[in-house]
Amino acid sequence: MNLEQIQQSFLILKQIKGEFANRGWFPATSGNLSLRIGDAIAITASGKDKTQDTPEDFLLVDLQGNPAFPTQLKPSAETLIHTAIYEKFPHVSAVFHVHTLENNLISSLYFKETRFKATGHELIKALGKWEEGAEVILPIVENHHHIPTLAAAVKEEIQGETPGVLIHNHGIYVWGDHAFAAKRHLEAFEFLFAYEILQKRFIEKGRD
């Protein structure tokens, strides 16, 4: 890891932050983004308005979530969830977390089932599943307010075949072996959530 790699990672995070902010995926300073750089992680700083760009939007932490260099910035409160994902999947280089109405609704609608399943959608291919009639099963975990407990629950439930996890009434975490892959996975999941919600709405209207 060198200064150029750090700066490049911060630039990638800035671009992704701007795109997701424009979509309204970071309400009220929520959400966080990270990229792994060798034995360190570039991650969003805590409490920042992600619709704005400042020189203090990102910092570097080690694989335990502690700042890698002296700084007044605080890493995202949920950094331990990022480190848990990186620890479980050493090939992963990007972890993104957003809060949307759609992913919160899906997490609530399917919480009792502890998973959300989608089948037969074209966009499932974006999640690496190409077979005919492919399905994706996304685990849903309880929203523990104690972050170490939540991180442990996430680490236990996530699986290599599905690059994401929902947290009940909280949001979604997705990951990939590079930033573009994680972004693609997030966009695919959010499409599937929106489709499911609209389909349920149309079914209910048809029963009226």
N, C-alpha and C. Protein backbone atom coordinates (compact mmCIF):
# COMPACT_ATOMS: atom_id res chain seq x y z
N MET A 1 0.84 -1.20 0.00
CA MET A 1 0.00 0.00 0.00
C MET A 1 0.87 1.24 0.00
N ASN A 2 0.53 2.18 -0.88
CA ASN A 2 1.26 3.43 -0.94
C ASN A 2 0.29 4.60 -1.03
N LEU A 3 0.83 5.82 -1.03
CA LEU A 3 -0.02 7.00 -1.04
C LEU A 3 -0.90 7.05 -2.29
N GLU A 4 -0.36 6.65 -3.42
CA GLU A 4 -1.14 6.66 -4.66
C GLU A 4 -2.35 5.73 -4.57
N GLN A 5 -2.16 4.56 -3.97
CA GLN A 5 -3.27 3.62 -3.82
C GLN A 5 -4.34 4.18 -2.89
N ILE A 6 -3.91 4.83 -1.83
CA ILE A 6 -4.85 5.42 -0.89
C ILE A 6 -5.66 6.52 -1.58
N GLN A 7 -4.98 7.39 -2.29
CA GLN A 7 -5.66 8.49 -2.99
C GLN A 7 -6.63 7.96 -4.04
N GLN A 8 -6.23 6.92 -4.75
CA GLN A 8 -7.10 6.33 -5.77
C GLN A 8 -8.35 5.72 -5.13
N SER A 9 -8.16 5.07 -3.98
CA SER A 9 -9.30 4.48 -3.27
C SER A 9 -10.26 5.56 -2.79
N PHE A 10 -9.73 6.65 -2.27
CA PHE A 10 -10.58 7.75 -1.82
C PHE A 10 -11.34 8.35 -3.00
N LEU A 11 -10.70 8.43 -4.16
CA LEU A 11 -11.35 8.98 -5.35
C LEU A 11 -12.50 8.08 -5.79
N ILE A 12 -12.28 6.76 -5.79
CA ILE A 12 -13.33 5.82 -6.15
C ILE A 12 -14.51 5.94 -5.19
N LEU A 13 -14.20 6.00 -3.90
CA LEU A 13 -15.27 6.14 -2.90
C LEU A 13 -16.03 7.45 -3.09
N LYS A 14 -15.32 8.51 -3.41
CA LYS A 14 -15.98 9.81 -3.65
C LYS A 14 -16.96 9.71 -4.82
N GLN A 15 -16.54 9.06 -5.89
CA GLN A 15 -17.42 8.93 -7.06
C GLN A 15 -18.66 8.11 -6.74
N ILE A 16 -18.46 7.00 -6.03
CA ILE A 16 -19.59 6.14 -5.69
C ILE A 16 -20.50 6.84 -4.69
N LYS A 17 -19.92 7.53 -3.72
CA LYS A 17 -20.70 8.27 -2.75
C LYS A 17 -21.60 9.29 -3.44
N GLY A 18 -21.04 10.01 -4.40
CA GLY A 18 -21.82 11.01 -5.12
C GLY A 18 -22.97 10.40 -5.89
N GLU A 19 -22.71 9.27 -6.55
CA GLU A 19 -23.77 8.62 -7.33
C GLU A 19 -24.88 8.10 -6.43
N PHE A 20 -24.52 7.45 -5.34
CA PHE A 20 -25.53 6.91 -4.43
C PHE A 20 -26.29 8.04 -3.73
N ALA A 21 -25.59 9.12 -3.39
CA ALA A 21 -26.25 10.26 -2.75
C ALA A 21 -27.30 10.86 -3.68
N ASN A 22 -26.98 10.93 -4.96
CA ASN A 22 -27.93 11.46 -5.94
C ASN A 22 -29.18 10.58 -6.05
N ARG A 23 -29.05 9.32 -5.71
CA ARG A 23 -30.20 8.42 -5.73
C ARG A 23 -30.99 8.46 -4.42
N GLY A 24 -30.50 9.22 -3.44
CA GLY A 24 -31.17 9.29 -2.15
C GLY A 24 -30.91 8.10 -1.27
N TRP A 25 -29.77 7.43 -1.45
CA TRP A 25 -29.47 6.21 -0.70
C TRP A 25 -28.73 6.46 0.60
N PHE A 26 -28.47 7.73 0.94
CA PHE A 26 -27.77 8.06 2.19
C PHE A 26 -28.57 9.06 3.03
N PRO A 27 -29.83 8.77 3.36
CA PRO A 27 -30.61 9.76 4.12
C PRO A 27 -30.03 10.00 5.52
N ALA A 28 -30.02 11.28 5.92
CA ALA A 28 -29.65 11.66 7.29
C ALA A 28 -28.27 11.16 7.70
N THR A 29 -27.30 11.26 6.82
CA THR A 29 -25.89 10.85 7.02
C THR A 29 -25.71 9.33 7.14
N SER A 30 -26.77 8.55 6.88
CA SER A 30 -26.68 7.10 7.04
C SER A 30 -25.82 6.47 5.95
N GLY A 31 -25.52 5.19 6.13
CA GLY A 31 -24.79 4.42 5.14
C GLY A 31 -23.29 4.57 5.27
N ASN A 32 -22.57 3.67 4.64
CA ASN A 32 -21.11 3.72 4.66
C ASN A 32 -20.55 2.89 3.52
N LEU A 33 -19.35 3.24 3.10
CA LEU A 33 -18.67 2.60 1.98
C LEU A 33 -17.24 2.29 2.38
N SER A 34 -16.70 1.20 1.86
CA SER A 34 -15.29 0.91 2.14
C SER A 34 -14.65 0.14 0.98
N LEU A 35 -13.34 0.31 0.88
CA LEU A 35 -12.52 -0.46 -0.05
C LEU A 35 -11.32 -1.00 0.71
N ARG A 36 -10.99 -2.25 0.45
CA ARG A 36 -9.81 -2.84 1.10
C ARG A 36 -8.57 -2.55 0.27
N ILE A 37 -7.52 -2.11 0.96
CA ILE A 37 -6.23 -1.86 0.31
C ILE A 37 -5.18 -2.66 1.07
N GLY A 38 -4.91 -3.87 0.65
CA GLY A 38 -3.93 -4.69 1.35
C GLY A 38 -4.37 -4.98 2.77
N ASP A 39 -3.59 -4.52 3.74
CA ASP A 39 -3.91 -4.74 5.15
C ASP A 39 -4.60 -3.54 5.78
N ALA A 40 -5.22 -2.72 4.98
CA ALA A 40 -5.94 -1.56 5.48
C ALA A 40 -7.27 -1.41 4.74
N ILE A 41 -8.12 -0.55 5.26
CA ILE A 41 -9.44 -0.32 4.68
C ILE A 41 -9.68 1.18 4.58
N ALA A 42 -10.02 1.66 3.39
CA ALA A 42 -10.46 3.04 3.21
C ALA A 42 -11.96 3.06 3.45
N ILE A 43 -12.45 3.93 4.35
CA ILE A 43 -13.85 3.89 4.74
C ILE A 43 -14.38 5.30 4.97
N THR A 44 -15.69 5.46 4.84
CA THR A 44 -16.32 6.75 5.08
C THR A 44 -16.20 7.14 6.55
N ALA A 45 -16.01 8.44 6.77
CA ALA A 45 -15.95 8.96 8.13
C ALA A 45 -17.35 9.07 8.70
N SER A 46 -17.46 9.01 10.02
CA SER A 46 -18.75 9.02 10.69
C SER A 46 -19.38 10.40 10.69
N GLY A 47 -20.71 10.43 10.55
CA GLY A 47 -21.48 11.64 10.74
C GLY A 47 -21.39 12.67 9.64
N LYS A 48 -20.92 12.30 8.46
CA LYS A 48 -20.76 13.25 7.37
C LYS A 48 -22.01 13.30 6.47
N ASP A 49 -22.32 14.47 5.99
CA ASP A 49 -23.37 14.64 5.00
C ASP A 49 -22.85 14.15 3.66
N LYS A 50 -23.36 13.01 3.22
CA LYS A 50 -22.80 12.38 2.02
C LYS A 50 -23.27 13.02 0.72
N THR A 51 -24.11 14.05 0.82
CA THR A 51 -24.45 14.81 -0.38
C THR A 51 -23.41 15.91 -0.64
N GLN A 52 -22.48 16.08 0.29
CA GLN A 52 -21.44 17.10 0.17
C GLN A 52 -20.07 16.43 0.09
N ASP A 53 -19.13 17.08 -0.57
CA ASP A 53 -17.75 16.59 -0.64
C ASP A 53 -16.85 17.49 0.19
N THR A 54 -16.05 16.87 1.05
CA THR A 54 -15.08 17.61 1.86
C THR A 54 -13.78 16.82 1.88
N PRO A 55 -12.67 17.43 2.30
CA PRO A 55 -11.40 16.70 2.40
C PRO A 55 -11.38 15.67 3.53
N GLU A 56 -12.45 15.63 4.33
CA GLU A 56 -12.47 14.74 5.50
C GLU A 56 -13.59 13.71 5.42
N ASP A 57 -13.91 13.29 4.21
CA ASP A 57 -14.99 12.32 4.03
C ASP A 57 -14.55 10.88 4.28
N PHE A 58 -13.25 10.61 4.17
CA PHE A 58 -12.75 9.23 4.25
C PHE A 58 -11.50 9.18 5.12
N LEU A 59 -11.26 8.01 5.67
CA LEU A 59 -10.03 7.77 6.41
C LEU A 59 -9.60 6.33 6.24
N LEU A 60 -8.44 6.02 6.74
CA LEU A 60 -7.88 4.68 6.62
C LEU A 60 -7.91 4.02 7.98
N VAL A 61 -8.39 2.76 8.02
CA VAL A 61 -8.38 1.97 9.26
C VAL A 61 -7.67 0.65 9.00
N ASP A 62 -7.26 -0.02 10.09
CA ASP A 62 -6.65 -1.34 9.94
C ASP A 62 -7.76 -2.38 9.88
N LEU A 63 -7.38 -3.65 9.79
CA LEU A 63 -8.36 -4.71 9.62
C LEU A 63 -9.16 -5.01 10.88
N GLN A 64 -8.82 -4.32 11.99
CA GLN A 64 -9.63 -4.41 13.20
C GLN A 64 -10.55 -3.20 13.35
N GLY A 65 -10.46 -2.25 12.40
CA GLY A 65 -11.34 -1.10 12.42
C GLY A 65 -10.79 0.12 13.13
N ASN A 66 -9.53 0.07 13.53
CA ASN A 66 -8.91 1.20 14.22
C ASN A 66 -8.22 2.12 13.22
N PRO A 67 -8.25 3.44 13.43
CA PRO A 67 -7.56 4.35 12.51
C PRO A 67 -6.10 3.94 12.30
N ALA A 68 -5.68 3.90 11.05
CA ALA A 68 -4.33 3.47 10.73
C ALA A 68 -3.30 4.55 11.02
N PHE A 69 -3.75 5.80 11.07
CA PHE A 69 -2.88 6.93 11.34
C PHE A 69 -3.59 7.87 12.32
N PRO A 70 -2.83 8.67 13.08
CA PRO A 70 -3.48 9.63 13.98
C PRO A 70 -4.41 10.56 13.22
N THR A 71 -5.64 10.71 13.70
CA THR A 71 -6.63 11.55 13.03
C THR A 71 -7.72 11.93 14.01
N GLN A 72 -8.37 13.06 13.75
CA GLN A 72 -9.53 13.45 14.55
C GLN A 72 -10.82 12.85 13.98
N LEU A 73 -10.73 12.28 12.80
CA LEU A 73 -11.89 11.67 12.18
C LEU A 73 -12.22 10.34 12.85
N LYS A 74 -13.51 10.04 12.88
CA LYS A 74 -13.96 8.76 13.40
C LYS A 74 -14.48 7.92 12.24
N PRO A 75 -14.08 6.65 12.18
CA PRO A 75 -14.64 5.78 11.14
C PRO A 75 -16.12 5.55 11.39
N SER A 76 -16.82 5.14 10.36
CA SER A 76 -18.24 4.82 10.50
C SER A 76 -18.49 3.96 11.72
N ALA A 77 -19.61 4.21 12.39
CA ALA A 77 -19.95 3.44 13.59
C ALA A 77 -20.08 1.95 13.30
N GLU A 78 -20.31 1.61 12.04
CA GLU A 78 -20.52 0.20 11.68
C GLU A 78 -19.30 -0.41 10.98
N THR A 79 -18.14 0.16 11.25
CA THR A 79 -16.91 -0.34 10.64
C THR A 79 -16.69 -1.82 10.94
N LEU A 80 -17.08 -2.27 12.13
CA LEU A 80 -16.87 -3.67 12.49
C LEU A 80 -17.63 -4.63 11.59
N ILE A 81 -18.73 -4.17 10.99
CA ILE A 81 -19.45 -5.03 10.05
C ILE A 81 -18.63 -5.18 8.77
N HIS A 82 -18.02 -4.10 8.33
CA HIS A 82 -17.13 -4.18 7.16
C HIS A 82 -15.97 -5.13 7.44
N THR A 83 -15.32 -4.98 8.60
CA THR A 83 -14.17 -5.84 8.89
C THR A 83 -14.58 -7.30 9.00
N ALA A 84 -15.80 -7.56 9.52
CA ALA A 84 -16.28 -8.95 9.61
C ALA A 84 -16.45 -9.56 8.23
N ILE A 85 -16.96 -8.77 7.28
CA ILE A 85 -17.14 -9.28 5.92
C ILE A 85 -15.79 -9.52 5.26
N TYR A 86 -14.87 -8.59 5.41
CA TYR A 86 -13.53 -8.77 4.83
C TYR A 86 -12.82 -9.98 5.44
N GLU A 87 -13.04 -10.22 6.74
CA GLU A 87 -12.40 -11.35 7.39
C GLU A 87 -12.96 -12.68 6.88
N LYS A 88 -14.28 -12.71 6.68
CA LYS A 88 -14.90 -13.97 6.24
C LYS A 88 -14.58 -14.26 4.77
N PHE A 89 -14.49 -13.20 3.96
CA PHE A 89 -14.25 -13.38 2.53
C PHE A 89 -12.99 -12.62 2.12
N PRO A 90 -11.83 -13.24 2.22
CA PRO A 90 -10.56 -12.55 1.93
C PRO A 90 -10.46 -11.99 0.51
N HIS A 91 -11.26 -12.53 -0.43
CA HIS A 91 -11.20 -12.04 -1.82
C HIS A 91 -11.95 -10.73 -2.00
N VAL A 92 -12.79 -10.37 -1.04
CA VAL A 92 -13.62 -9.17 -1.17
C VAL A 92 -12.78 -7.91 -1.04
N SER A 93 -13.02 -6.95 -1.91
CA SER A 93 -12.27 -5.70 -1.89
C SER A 93 -13.16 -4.47 -1.71
N ALA A 94 -14.49 -4.65 -1.71
CA ALA A 94 -15.40 -3.51 -1.56
C ALA A 94 -16.64 -3.94 -0.80
N VAL A 95 -17.06 -3.10 0.15
CA VAL A 95 -18.29 -3.33 0.92
C VAL A 95 -19.07 -2.02 0.94
N PHE A 96 -20.34 -2.08 0.55
CA PHE A 96 -21.20 -0.90 0.51
C PHE A 96 -22.44 -1.14 1.35
N HIS A 97 -22.88 -0.09 2.05
CA HIS A 97 -24.07 -0.19 2.90
C HIS A 97 -24.95 1.04 2.69
N VAL A 98 -26.22 0.82 2.35
CA VAL A 98 -27.16 1.93 2.15
C VAL A 98 -28.48 1.62 2.82
N HIS A 99 -29.22 2.70 3.09
CA HIS A 99 -30.57 2.60 3.63
C HIS A 99 -31.54 3.12 2.57
N THR A 100 -32.46 2.30 2.14
CA THR A 100 -33.51 2.76 1.23
C THR A 100 -34.86 2.31 1.77
N LEU A 101 -35.91 2.99 1.33
CA LEU A 101 -37.24 2.57 1.72
C LEU A 101 -37.50 1.13 1.29
N GLU A 102 -37.05 0.80 0.07
CA GLU A 102 -37.31 -0.53 -0.46
C GLU A 102 -36.61 -1.62 0.34
N ASN A 103 -35.32 -1.43 0.65
CA ASN A 103 -34.66 -2.52 1.37
C ASN A 103 -35.16 -2.62 2.81
N ASN A 104 -35.60 -1.50 3.40
CA ASN A 104 -36.19 -1.57 4.73
C ASN A 104 -37.54 -2.28 4.71
N LEU A 105 -38.36 -1.99 3.70
CA LEU A 105 -39.65 -2.65 3.60
C LEU A 105 -39.51 -4.15 3.39
N ILE A 106 -38.59 -4.54 2.51
CA ILE A 106 -38.38 -5.97 2.26
C ILE A 106 -37.88 -6.65 3.53
N SER A 107 -36.98 -6.01 4.25
CA SER A 107 -36.46 -6.61 5.48
C SER A 107 -37.55 -6.80 6.52
N SER A 108 -38.54 -5.91 6.51
CA SER A 108 -39.65 -6.03 7.44
C SER A 108 -40.67 -7.08 6.98
N LEU A 109 -40.99 -7.07 5.69
CA LEU A 109 -41.98 -8.00 5.15
C LEU A 109 -41.54 -9.46 5.30
N TYR A 110 -40.24 -9.70 5.18
CA TYR A 110 -39.75 -11.08 5.16
C TYR A 110 -38.91 -11.44 6.39
N PHE A 111 -38.97 -10.61 7.43
CA PHE A 111 -38.14 -10.85 8.61
C PHE A 111 -38.45 -12.18 9.26
N LYS A 112 -39.73 -12.54 9.36
CA LYS A 112 -40.10 -13.80 10.00
C LYS A 112 -39.55 -15.01 9.25
N GLU A 113 -39.43 -14.87 7.92
CA GLU A 113 -38.87 -15.96 7.12
C GLU A 113 -37.35 -15.99 7.20
N THR A 114 -36.75 -14.93 7.72
CA THR A 114 -35.29 -14.77 7.87
C THR A 114 -34.54 -14.73 6.55
N ARG A 115 -35.28 -14.55 5.44
CA ARG A 115 -34.62 -14.47 4.14
C ARG A 115 -35.59 -13.89 3.11
N PHE A 116 -35.03 -13.34 2.07
CA PHE A 116 -35.81 -12.88 0.92
C PHE A 116 -35.34 -13.67 -0.29
N LYS A 117 -36.29 -14.22 -1.03
CA LYS A 117 -35.93 -15.04 -2.20
C LYS A 117 -36.53 -14.44 -3.46
N ALA A 118 -35.72 -14.34 -4.50
CA ALA A 118 -36.20 -13.90 -5.81
C ALA A 118 -35.81 -14.96 -6.83
N THR A 119 -36.72 -15.20 -7.79
CA THR A 119 -36.50 -16.26 -8.78
C THR A 119 -36.86 -15.77 -10.17
N GLY A 120 -36.05 -16.17 -11.15
CA GLY A 120 -36.41 -15.98 -12.54
C GLY A 120 -36.23 -14.59 -13.11
N HIS A 121 -35.62 -13.68 -12.36
CA HIS A 121 -35.40 -12.32 -12.87
C HIS A 121 -34.11 -12.25 -13.68
N GLU A 122 -34.13 -11.48 -14.74
CA GLU A 122 -32.94 -11.30 -15.56
C GLU A 122 -31.79 -10.71 -14.76
N LEU A 123 -32.10 -9.78 -13.85
CA LEU A 123 -31.03 -9.11 -13.11
C LEU A 123 -30.33 -10.01 -12.08
N ILE A 124 -30.86 -11.20 -11.87
CA ILE A 124 -30.15 -12.14 -11.01
C ILE A 124 -28.79 -12.50 -11.61
N LYS A 125 -28.69 -12.37 -12.94
CA LYS A 125 -27.39 -12.61 -13.59
C LYS A 125 -26.32 -11.65 -13.07
N ALA A 126 -26.73 -10.45 -12.67
CA ALA A 126 -25.79 -9.48 -12.13
C ALA A 126 -25.20 -9.93 -10.80
N LEU A 127 -25.83 -10.93 -10.20
CA LEU A 127 -25.36 -11.49 -8.93
C LEU A 127 -24.56 -12.77 -9.14
N GLY A 128 -24.22 -13.05 -10.40
CA GLY A 128 -23.37 -14.20 -10.72
C GLY A 128 -24.11 -15.50 -10.90
N LYS A 129 -25.44 -15.44 -11.07
CA LYS A 129 -26.23 -16.66 -11.25
C LYS A 129 -26.82 -16.65 -12.66
N TRP A 130 -26.35 -17.54 -13.51
CA TRP A 130 -26.68 -17.51 -14.92
C TRP A 130 -27.57 -18.66 -15.38
N GLU A 131 -27.81 -19.64 -14.53
CA GLU A 131 -28.59 -20.80 -14.95
C GLU A 131 -30.06 -20.44 -15.14
N GLU A 132 -30.73 -21.23 -15.95
CA GLU A 132 -32.17 -21.04 -16.21
C GLU A 132 -32.95 -21.14 -14.90
N GLY A 133 -33.84 -20.18 -14.68
CA GLY A 133 -34.65 -20.20 -13.46
C GLY A 133 -33.87 -19.97 -12.19
N ALA A 134 -32.75 -19.28 -12.28
CA ALA A 134 -31.89 -19.06 -11.12
C ALA A 134 -32.63 -18.30 -10.02
N GLU A 135 -32.25 -18.56 -8.78
CA GLU A 135 -32.82 -17.84 -7.66
C GLU A 135 -31.71 -17.29 -6.77
N VAL A 136 -32.04 -16.25 -6.05
CA VAL A 136 -31.11 -15.69 -5.08
C VAL A 136 -31.80 -15.65 -3.74
N ILE A 137 -31.09 -16.06 -2.72
CA ILE A 137 -31.63 -16.07 -1.36
C ILE A 137 -30.78 -15.14 -0.50
N LEU A 138 -31.42 -14.10 0.02
CA LEU A 138 -30.72 -13.07 0.78
C LEU A 138 -31.09 -13.19 2.26
N PRO A 139 -30.12 -13.45 3.13
CA PRO A 139 -30.45 -13.58 4.55
C PRO A 139 -30.84 -12.23 5.17
N ILE A 140 -31.68 -12.30 6.20
CA ILE A 140 -32.10 -11.12 6.95
C ILE A 140 -31.76 -11.35 8.41
N VAL A 141 -31.00 -10.44 9.01
CA VAL A 141 -30.60 -10.60 10.40
C VAL A 141 -31.26 -9.53 11.27
N GLU A 142 -31.36 -9.83 12.54
CA GLU A 142 -31.92 -8.88 13.49
C GLU A 142 -31.03 -7.65 13.62
N ASN A 143 -31.63 -6.51 13.85
CA ASN A 143 -30.89 -5.27 13.96
C ASN A 143 -30.44 -5.04 15.41
N HIS A 144 -29.35 -5.69 15.79
CA HIS A 144 -28.79 -5.49 17.13
C HIS A 144 -28.17 -4.10 17.21
N HIS A 145 -28.53 -3.33 18.23
CA HIS A 145 -27.95 -2.00 18.37
C HIS A 145 -26.50 -2.05 18.85
N HIS A 146 -26.12 -3.14 19.50
CA HIS A 146 -24.73 -3.34 19.91
C HIS A 146 -23.95 -3.81 18.68
N ILE A 147 -23.11 -2.93 18.15
CA ILE A 147 -22.48 -3.20 16.86
C ILE A 147 -21.64 -4.47 16.85
N PRO A 148 -20.84 -4.78 17.87
CA PRO A 148 -20.11 -6.06 17.85
C PRO A 148 -21.03 -7.27 17.74
N THR A 149 -22.19 -7.21 18.40
CA THR A 149 -23.16 -8.30 18.29
C THR A 149 -23.74 -8.36 16.88
N LEU A 150 -24.05 -7.20 16.32
CA LEU A 150 -24.58 -7.17 14.95
C LEU A 150 -23.54 -7.69 13.96
N ALA A 151 -22.29 -7.28 14.13
CA ALA A 151 -21.23 -7.74 13.23
C ALA A 151 -21.07 -9.25 13.30
N ALA A 152 -21.16 -9.81 14.50
CA ALA A 152 -21.05 -11.26 14.67
C ALA A 152 -22.22 -11.97 14.00
N ALA A 153 -23.43 -11.41 14.12
CA ALA A 153 -24.61 -12.01 13.50
C ALA A 153 -24.50 -11.98 11.98
N VAL A 154 -24.03 -10.87 11.45
CA VAL A 154 -23.84 -10.76 10.00
C VAL A 154 -22.82 -11.79 9.53
N LYS A 155 -21.70 -11.87 10.22
CA LYS A 155 -20.63 -12.79 9.81
C LYS A 155 -21.11 -14.24 9.82
N GLU A 156 -21.98 -14.57 10.77
CA GLU A 156 -22.48 -15.95 10.87
C GLU A 156 -23.44 -16.28 9.73
N GLU A 157 -24.25 -15.31 9.31
CA GLU A 157 -25.32 -15.58 8.35
C GLU A 157 -24.90 -15.47 6.89
N ILE A 158 -23.91 -14.64 6.59
CA ILE A 158 -23.59 -14.41 5.18
C ILE A 158 -22.96 -15.65 4.55
N GLN A 159 -23.22 -15.77 3.24
CA GLN A 159 -22.76 -16.93 2.48
C GLN A 159 -22.02 -16.47 1.23
N GLY A 160 -21.11 -17.30 0.78
CA GLY A 160 -20.33 -16.92 -0.38
C GLY A 160 -21.12 -16.81 -1.66
N GLU A 161 -22.24 -17.53 -1.76
CA GLU A 161 -22.99 -17.54 -3.02
C GLU A 161 -23.92 -16.33 -3.17
N THR A 162 -24.15 -15.59 -2.10
CA THR A 162 -25.01 -14.41 -2.16
C THR A 162 -24.24 -13.22 -1.61
N PRO A 163 -23.92 -12.23 -2.45
CA PRO A 163 -23.06 -11.12 -2.01
C PRO A 163 -23.83 -10.00 -1.31
N GLY A 164 -24.63 -10.37 -0.31
CA GLY A 164 -25.38 -9.35 0.39
C GLY A 164 -26.09 -9.90 1.61
N VAL A 165 -26.51 -8.98 2.49
CA VAL A 165 -27.28 -9.34 3.67
C VAL A 165 -28.16 -8.15 4.04
N LEU A 166 -29.39 -8.43 4.42
CA LEU A 166 -30.31 -7.41 4.90
C LEU A 166 -30.30 -7.39 6.42
N ILE A 167 -30.40 -6.19 6.98
CA ILE A 167 -30.55 -6.03 8.42
C ILE A 167 -31.94 -5.45 8.66
N HIS A 168 -32.69 -6.09 9.54
CA HIS A 168 -34.10 -5.76 9.75
C HIS A 168 -34.29 -4.27 10.07
N ASN A 169 -35.12 -3.61 9.26
CA ASN A 169 -35.43 -2.19 9.44
C ASN A 169 -34.18 -1.32 9.57
N HIS A 170 -33.17 -1.67 8.82
CA HIS A 170 -31.89 -0.96 8.90
C HIS A 170 -31.36 -0.67 7.49
N GLY A 171 -30.98 -1.69 6.76
CA GLY A 171 -30.44 -1.48 5.43
C GLY A 171 -29.81 -2.74 4.89
N ILE A 172 -29.05 -2.58 3.80
CA ILE A 172 -28.41 -3.72 3.16
C ILE A 172 -26.90 -3.51 3.11
N TYR A 173 -26.16 -4.59 3.26
CA TYR A 173 -24.72 -4.62 3.00
C TYR A 173 -24.51 -5.50 1.77
N VAL A 174 -23.70 -5.02 0.86
CA VAL A 174 -23.30 -5.81 -0.31
C VAL A 174 -21.79 -5.75 -0.43
N TRP A 175 -21.24 -6.69 -1.19
CA TRP A 175 -19.79 -6.70 -1.37
C TRP A 175 -19.43 -7.29 -2.72
N GLY A 176 -18.17 -7.12 -3.09
CA GLY A 176 -17.67 -7.66 -4.34
C GLY A 176 -16.16 -7.66 -4.35
N ASP A 177 -15.59 -8.33 -5.36
CA ASP A 177 -14.13 -8.40 -5.42
C ASP A 177 -13.51 -7.13 -5.98
N HIS A 178 -14.36 -6.17 -6.38
CA HIS A 178 -13.90 -4.82 -6.72
C HIS A 178 -15.11 -3.89 -6.61
N ALA A 179 -14.86 -2.59 -6.69
CA ALA A 179 -15.92 -1.61 -6.45
C ALA A 179 -17.07 -1.75 -7.44
N PHE A 180 -16.76 -1.96 -8.72
CA PHE A 180 -17.82 -2.07 -9.71
C PHE A 180 -18.71 -3.26 -9.44
N ALA A 181 -18.12 -4.38 -9.00
CA ALA A 181 -18.92 -5.57 -8.70
C ALA A 181 -19.88 -5.30 -7.54
N ALA A 182 -19.39 -4.66 -6.48
CA ALA A 182 -20.25 -4.35 -5.35
C ALA A 182 -21.38 -3.41 -5.76
N LYS A 183 -21.06 -2.42 -6.59
CA LYS A 183 -22.08 -1.49 -7.09
C LYS A 183 -23.13 -2.23 -7.92
N ARG A 184 -22.67 -3.13 -8.78
CA ARG A 184 -23.59 -3.92 -9.60
C ARG A 184 -24.52 -4.76 -8.73
N HIS A 185 -23.96 -5.38 -7.70
CA HIS A 185 -24.76 -6.21 -6.80
C HIS A 185 -25.82 -5.36 -6.09
N LEU A 186 -25.42 -4.19 -5.63
CA LEU A 186 -26.37 -3.33 -4.94
C LEU A 186 -27.50 -2.90 -5.85
N GLU A 187 -27.18 -2.51 -7.06
CA GLU A 187 -28.21 -2.08 -8.01
C GLU A 187 -29.17 -3.22 -8.33
N ALA A 188 -28.64 -4.44 -8.45
CA ALA A 188 -29.50 -5.59 -8.74
C ALA A 188 -30.45 -5.87 -7.57
N PHE A 189 -29.93 -5.86 -6.36
CA PHE A 189 -30.79 -6.10 -5.20
C PHE A 189 -31.88 -5.04 -5.09
N GLU A 190 -31.50 -3.78 -5.25
CA GLU A 190 -32.49 -2.71 -5.11
C GLU A 190 -33.57 -2.81 -6.18
N PHE A 191 -33.22 -3.24 -7.39
CA PHE A 191 -34.22 -3.48 -8.43
C PHE A 191 -35.17 -4.59 -8.00
N LEU A 192 -34.63 -5.69 -7.48
CA LEU A 192 -35.46 -6.81 -7.06
C LEU A 192 -36.40 -6.41 -5.93
N PHE A 193 -35.92 -5.57 -5.01
CA PHE A 193 -36.77 -5.11 -3.91
C PHE A 193 -37.92 -4.26 -4.44
N ALA A 194 -37.59 -3.32 -5.33
CA ALA A 194 -38.63 -2.44 -5.87
C ALA A 194 -39.67 -3.24 -6.65
N TYR A 195 -39.22 -4.22 -7.42
CA TYR A 195 -40.13 -5.08 -8.18
C TYR A 195 -41.08 -5.82 -7.24
N GLU A 196 -40.52 -6.39 -6.18
CA GLU A 196 -41.33 -7.17 -5.25
C GLU A 196 -42.40 -6.30 -4.59
N ILE A 197 -42.03 -5.11 -4.20
CA ILE A 197 -42.98 -4.21 -3.53
C ILE A 197 -44.09 -3.79 -4.49
N LEU A 198 -43.73 -3.43 -5.72
CA LEU A 198 -44.74 -3.04 -6.70
C LEU A 198 -45.66 -4.20 -7.04
N GLN A 199 -45.07 -5.39 -7.18
CA GLN A 199 -45.89 -6.56 -7.48
C GLN A 199 -46.91 -6.83 -6.37
N LYS A 200 -46.47 -6.73 -5.12
CA LYS A 200 -47.39 -6.93 -4.01
C LYS A 200 -48.50 -5.88 -4.02
N ARG A 201 -48.15 -4.66 -4.37
CA ARG A 201 -49.14 -3.58 -4.42
C ARG A 201 -50.19 -3.86 -5.49
N PHE A 202 -49.75 -4.30 -6.65
CA PHE A 202 -50.69 -4.60 -7.74
C PHE A 202 -51.58 -5.78 -7.39
N ILE A 203 -51.02 -6.78 -6.73
CA ILE A 203 -51.82 -7.94 -6.32
C ILE A 203 -52.89 -7.52 -5.34
N GLU A 204 -52.51 -6.66 -4.37
CA GLU A 204 -53.49 -6.20 -3.37
C GLU A 204 -54.59 -5.36 -4.03
N LYS A 205 -54.20 -4.51 -4.99
CA LYS A 205 -55.21 -3.71 -5.69
C LYS A 205 -56.18 -4.59 -6.46
N GLY A 206 -55.65 -5.70 -7.04
CA GLY A 206 -56.50 -6.60 -7.79
C GLY A 206 -57.51 -7.32 -6.92
N ARG A 207 -57.25 -7.39 -5.61
CA ARG A 207 -58.17 -8.06 -4.70
C ARG A 207 -59.25 -7.14 -4.21
N ASP A 208 -59.08 -5.83 -4.40
CA ASP A 208 -60.07 -4.85 -3.93
C ASP A 208 -61.36 -4.90 -4.75
